[in-house]
Amino acid sequence: MLLQVDGSRHDWLEGRGPYLTLIGAIDDATGTVPYALFRQQEDAHGYLLMLRNIIEQHGVPLALYSDRHGIFQRSPKEPESLEEQLRGRRDPTQFGRALQELGIRLILAYTPQAKGRIERAWGTFQDRLVSELRLAGAATIDQANQVLWDFLLRFNQRFAVAPAQPASAYRQPPASMSLDAILCFKYIRTVANDNTVQFNGTTL
């Protein structure tokens, strides 16, 4: 009843283009990959894009299982703010906040072995998908994504298994839910007396 998520940094294009990171999810019950995409690096924006496509195509996942990357949790080495100390809990990351708004439970793994299913999938992809990318002559991230999405259709058809229980890992989102308002980056800023705000050193 959950999706394992992860990113795989690899020379997917075998020197024909830049090193890329494959960001994706795998259904723990069926072994299917509901969505994946290539990014220049493992980043929160990539995971938000992945989650949006999964929701639009399948529904809202019940839970995600991830490693302890800073995208998913605040670093324990980062000092707590006064507000966090008073609340007794850390502020979530941008991705963590989106999961909370969607009602998706985040489960953090302690070891890579705990995410064995998606780690094995990446191992398969680094063999079969790399060959597909080579045959297609993919040399850019856009070309790589087109090959990937065609590959996923065939991969899921071939390797999907029936779940042990018929319950779905997805919920249909309510009609009133706005993905644009959730799957985005949100920041708290103070409005100055002249009705401006500071963001990244810029006055707006």
Foldseek 3Di string as FASTA:
>chain_A
DEKEWDKDFDPLQVPLAATWIKTFIADPFWRATLDIAIDRDDDLLRVLVRQVSSCVVPAHFQEYEYEPPCSFAPDPVDDADPVCVVVVHHDTHLNNQLCVVSNYHYHYDPDVVVSVSVVVVVVVCSPVVSVQCVVQVDRDRVSSRVSVVVVSVVVCVVRTDQGPDNDDRHDRDDPPDDSVVRSDGDDDWDQDPVRWTDDPNDID
